[in-house]
């Protein structure tokens, strides 16, 4: 899966599932503050990630994710490592 396809899919579910305004979806956007995601949203986000990208998310993986770019990098690395396995 190409990086652009992964990012487009992330944007799509942020808009549809979490009602994030498209203009707020920027790489430097903070997931909690700018996008307005709370702890319950993170649980939903894990479910959406697992169903969209078919890999298991560990809660500790989110400790290093602050911005949307961090989130892109995390999902892309997981998808790429899964494809190499």
N, C-alpha and C. Protein backbone atom coordinates (compact mmCIF):
# COMPACT_ATOMS: atom_id res chain seq x y z
N UNK A 1 0.85 -1.18 0.00
CA UNK A 1 0.00 0.00 0.00
C UNK A 1 0.90 1.24 0.00
N UNK A 2 0.60 2.18 -0.89
CA UNK A 2 1.39 3.41 -1.00
C UNK A 2 1.11 4.34 0.18
N UNK A 3 2.11 5.16 0.53
CA UNK A 3 1.96 6.10 1.64
C UNK A 3 0.79 7.05 1.43
N UNK A 4 0.62 7.55 0.21
CA UNK A 4 -0.49 8.47 -0.07
C UNK A 4 -1.83 7.80 0.16
N UNK A 5 -1.94 6.55 -0.22
CA UNK A 5 -3.19 5.81 -0.01
C UNK A 5 -3.48 5.65 1.49
N UNK A 6 -2.44 5.38 2.26
CA UNK A 6 -2.60 5.25 3.72
C UNK A 6 -3.06 6.59 4.31
N UNK A 7 -2.41 7.68 3.92
CA UNK A 7 -2.76 9.00 4.44
C UNK A 7 -4.17 9.39 4.02
N UNK A 8 -4.54 9.11 2.77
CA UNK A 8 -5.90 9.41 2.30
C UNK A 8 -6.94 8.63 3.10
N UNK A 9 -6.63 7.39 3.42
CA UNK A 9 -7.56 6.57 4.20
C UNK A 9 -7.70 7.11 5.62
N UNK A 10 -6.58 7.56 6.19
CA UNK A 10 -6.61 8.16 7.53
C UNK A 10 -7.48 9.42 7.50
N UNK A 11 -7.27 10.27 6.51
CA UNK A 11 -8.08 11.50 6.39
C UNK A 11 -9.56 11.15 6.29
N UNK A 12 -9.86 10.16 5.48
CA UNK A 12 -11.25 9.76 5.27
C UNK A 12 -11.92 9.35 6.58
N UNK A 13 -11.26 8.49 7.37
CA UNK A 13 -11.94 8.07 8.60
C UNK A 13 -11.92 9.14 9.68
N UNK A 14 -10.95 10.05 9.65
CA UNK A 14 -10.99 11.17 10.61
C UNK A 14 -12.21 12.05 10.33
N UNK A 15 -12.49 12.27 9.05
CA UNK A 15 -13.63 13.11 8.67
C UNK A 15 -14.95 12.38 8.93
N UNK A 16 -15.03 11.12 8.50
CA UNK A 16 -16.30 10.39 8.61
C UNK A 16 -16.60 9.89 10.02
N UNK A 17 -15.63 9.26 10.66
CA UNK A 17 -15.87 8.63 11.96
C UNK A 17 -15.76 9.61 13.13
N UNK A 18 -14.86 10.59 13.00
CA UNK A 18 -14.58 11.48 14.13
C UNK A 18 -15.02 12.92 13.89
N UNK A 19 -15.65 13.15 12.72
CA UNK A 19 -16.21 14.46 12.38
C UNK A 19 -15.20 15.59 12.51
N UNK A 20 -13.94 15.30 12.12
CA UNK A 20 -12.90 16.33 12.10
C UNK A 20 -13.10 17.16 10.84
N UNK A 21 -13.02 18.48 11.00
CA UNK A 21 -13.16 19.37 9.85
C UNK A 21 -11.94 19.21 8.95
N UNK A 22 -12.16 19.01 7.64
CA UNK A 22 -11.05 18.75 6.72
C UNK A 22 -9.92 19.79 6.79
N UNK A 23 -10.25 21.05 7.01
CA UNK A 23 -9.20 22.08 7.05
C UNK A 23 -8.30 21.97 8.28
N UNK A 24 -8.73 21.21 9.29
CA UNK A 24 -7.90 21.00 10.49
C UNK A 24 -6.93 19.83 10.32
N UNK A 25 -7.08 19.07 9.25
CA UNK A 25 -6.24 17.89 9.05
C UNK A 25 -4.95 18.32 8.36
N UNK A 26 -3.97 18.64 9.18
CA UNK A 26 -2.65 19.07 8.73
C UNK A 26 -1.60 18.22 9.45
N UNK A 27 -0.46 17.96 8.80
CA UNK A 27 0.57 17.11 9.44
C UNK A 27 0.99 17.58 10.83
N UNK A 28 1.04 18.90 11.03
CA UNK A 28 1.48 19.43 12.33
C UNK A 28 0.36 19.50 13.37
N UNK A 29 -0.86 19.14 12.99
CA UNK A 29 -2.00 19.20 13.92
C UNK A 29 -1.80 18.24 15.09
N UNK A 30 -2.06 18.74 16.28
CA UNK A 30 -1.99 17.92 17.48
C UNK A 30 -3.28 17.10 17.57
N UNK A 31 -3.14 15.79 17.79
CA UNK A 31 -4.31 14.91 17.80
C UNK A 31 -5.32 15.31 18.87
N UNK A 32 -4.83 15.61 20.06
CA UNK A 32 -5.75 15.93 21.16
C UNK A 32 -6.32 17.34 21.03
N UNK A 33 -5.44 18.32 20.86
CA UNK A 33 -5.87 19.72 20.89
C UNK A 33 -6.53 20.17 19.59
N UNK A 34 -5.83 20.06 18.49
CA UNK A 34 -6.34 20.59 17.23
C UNK A 34 -7.50 19.76 16.71
N UNK A 35 -7.37 18.43 16.79
CA UNK A 35 -8.41 17.57 16.23
C UNK A 35 -9.51 17.25 17.24
N UNK A 36 -9.28 17.58 18.50
CA UNK A 36 -10.31 17.39 19.51
C UNK A 36 -10.58 15.94 19.88
N UNK A 37 -9.57 15.09 19.76
CA UNK A 37 -9.77 13.68 20.13
C UNK A 37 -9.56 13.51 21.62
N UNK A 38 -10.48 12.78 22.27
CA UNK A 38 -10.33 12.51 23.70
C UNK A 38 -10.00 11.03 23.90
N UNK A 39 -9.95 10.59 25.15
CA UNK A 39 -9.54 9.22 25.44
C UNK A 39 -10.49 8.19 24.84
N UNK A 40 -11.79 8.47 24.81
CA UNK A 40 -12.73 7.54 24.18
C UNK A 40 -12.53 7.49 22.67
N UNK A 41 -12.20 8.64 22.08
CA UNK A 41 -11.91 8.67 20.65
C UNK A 41 -10.69 7.82 20.32
N UNK A 42 -9.71 7.80 21.22
CA UNK A 42 -8.51 6.99 20.98
C UNK A 42 -8.87 5.50 20.94
N UNK A 43 -9.80 5.08 21.77
CA UNK A 43 -10.25 3.68 21.74
C UNK A 43 -10.91 3.39 20.40
N UNK A 44 -11.78 4.29 19.97
CA UNK A 44 -12.42 4.13 18.66
C UNK A 44 -11.38 4.17 17.54
N UNK A 45 -10.39 5.02 17.69
CA UNK A 45 -9.33 5.14 16.68
C UNK A 45 -8.57 3.82 16.54
N UNK A 46 -8.30 3.16 17.65
CA UNK A 46 -7.62 1.86 17.61
C UNK A 46 -8.45 0.86 16.81
N UNK A 47 -9.75 0.81 17.06
CA UNK A 47 -10.64 -0.11 16.35
C UNK A 47 -10.63 0.20 14.85
N UNK A 48 -10.72 1.48 14.51
CA UNK A 48 -10.74 1.89 13.10
C UNK A 48 -9.40 1.55 12.42
N UNK A 49 -8.30 1.79 13.11
CA UNK A 49 -6.98 1.46 12.54
C UNK A 49 -6.89 -0.04 12.28
N UNK A 50 -7.25 -0.83 13.28
CA UNK A 50 -7.14 -2.28 13.14
C UNK A 50 -8.02 -2.81 12.01
N UNK A 51 -9.21 -2.25 11.85
CA UNK A 51 -10.10 -2.74 10.78
C UNK A 51 -9.67 -2.24 9.40
N UNK A 52 -9.09 -1.05 9.33
CA UNK A 52 -8.66 -0.48 8.04
C UNK A 52 -7.32 -1.01 7.55
N UNK A 53 -6.43 -1.28 8.50
CA UNK A 53 -5.06 -1.62 8.11
C UNK A 53 -4.62 -3.02 8.54
N UNK A 54 -5.48 -3.74 9.22
CA UNK A 54 -5.24 -5.15 9.58
C UNK A 54 -3.94 -5.39 10.36
N UNK A 55 -3.71 -4.57 11.38
CA UNK A 55 -2.63 -4.86 12.33
C UNK A 55 -3.11 -4.49 13.72
N UNK A 56 -2.52 -5.13 14.72
CA UNK A 56 -2.90 -4.89 16.12
C UNK A 56 -2.17 -3.66 16.65
N UNK A 57 -2.91 -2.84 17.35
CA UNK A 57 -2.35 -1.63 17.97
C UNK A 57 -2.17 -1.90 19.45
N UNK A 58 -0.98 -1.56 19.95
CA UNK A 58 -0.72 -1.67 21.38
C UNK A 58 -0.90 -0.29 22.00
N UNK A 59 -1.56 -0.19 23.14
CA UNK A 59 -1.78 1.12 23.76
C UNK A 59 -0.49 1.93 23.95
N UNK A 60 0.60 1.25 24.27
CA UNK A 60 1.86 1.96 24.49
C UNK A 60 2.41 2.59 23.21
N UNK A 61 1.94 2.13 22.05
CA UNK A 61 2.37 2.73 20.78
C UNK A 61 1.95 4.19 20.69
N UNK A 62 0.87 4.55 21.35
CA UNK A 62 0.35 5.91 21.27
C UNK A 62 1.09 6.90 22.17
N UNK A 63 1.98 6.43 23.02
CA UNK A 63 2.69 7.35 23.92
C UNK A 63 3.61 8.29 23.16
N UNK A 64 4.04 7.91 21.97
CA UNK A 64 4.96 8.74 21.19
C UNK A 64 4.26 9.49 20.06
N UNK A 65 2.94 9.41 20.00
CA UNK A 65 2.19 10.05 18.93
C UNK A 65 1.52 11.31 19.45
N UNK A 66 1.97 12.46 18.95
CA UNK A 66 1.39 13.73 19.37
C UNK A 66 0.70 14.43 18.19
N UNK A 67 1.37 14.41 17.03
CA UNK A 67 0.84 15.11 15.87
C UNK A 67 0.28 14.13 14.85
N UNK A 68 -0.42 14.67 13.90
CA UNK A 68 -0.94 13.85 12.82
C UNK A 68 0.20 13.23 12.02
N UNK A 69 1.31 13.96 11.86
CA UNK A 69 2.47 13.40 11.15
C UNK A 69 3.03 12.18 11.90
N UNK A 70 3.08 12.26 13.23
CA UNK A 70 3.51 11.11 14.04
C UNK A 70 2.59 9.93 13.78
N UNK A 71 1.30 10.22 13.69
CA UNK A 71 0.30 9.18 13.45
C UNK A 71 0.48 8.56 12.07
N UNK A 72 0.68 9.41 11.04
CA UNK A 72 0.96 8.89 9.69
C UNK A 72 2.16 7.96 9.72
N UNK A 73 3.25 8.44 10.32
CA UNK A 73 4.50 7.67 10.36
C UNK A 73 4.29 6.33 11.05
N UNK A 74 3.54 6.34 12.14
CA UNK A 74 3.27 5.10 12.88
C UNK A 74 2.52 4.10 12.00
N UNK A 75 1.41 4.53 11.40
CA UNK A 75 0.60 3.63 10.58
C UNK A 75 1.39 3.14 9.37
N UNK A 76 2.10 4.04 8.71
CA UNK A 76 2.89 3.67 7.53
C UNK A 76 3.95 2.63 7.91
N UNK A 77 4.65 2.83 9.02
CA UNK A 77 5.68 1.87 9.42
C UNK A 77 5.07 0.51 9.75
N UNK A 78 3.92 0.51 10.42
CA UNK A 78 3.26 -0.76 10.75
C UNK A 78 2.79 -1.49 9.49
N UNK A 79 2.19 -0.75 8.57
CA UNK A 79 1.69 -1.36 7.32
C UNK A 79 2.88 -1.90 6.52
N UNK A 80 3.96 -1.12 6.41
CA UNK A 80 5.14 -1.56 5.66
C UNK A 80 5.79 -2.77 6.28
N UNK A 81 5.90 -2.81 7.62
CA UNK A 81 6.52 -3.96 8.27
C UNK A 81 5.65 -5.21 8.14
N UNK A 82 4.34 -5.00 8.12
CA UNK A 82 3.41 -6.14 7.93
C UNK A 82 3.55 -6.70 6.52
N UNK A 83 3.70 -5.80 5.54
CA UNK A 83 3.83 -6.24 4.15
C UNK A 83 5.14 -6.97 3.90
N UNK A 84 6.19 -6.62 4.65
CA UNK A 84 7.48 -7.28 4.49
C UNK A 84 7.52 -8.64 5.15
N UNK A 85 6.64 -8.88 6.10
CA UNK A 85 6.66 -10.14 6.86
C UNK A 85 6.19 -11.31 6.01
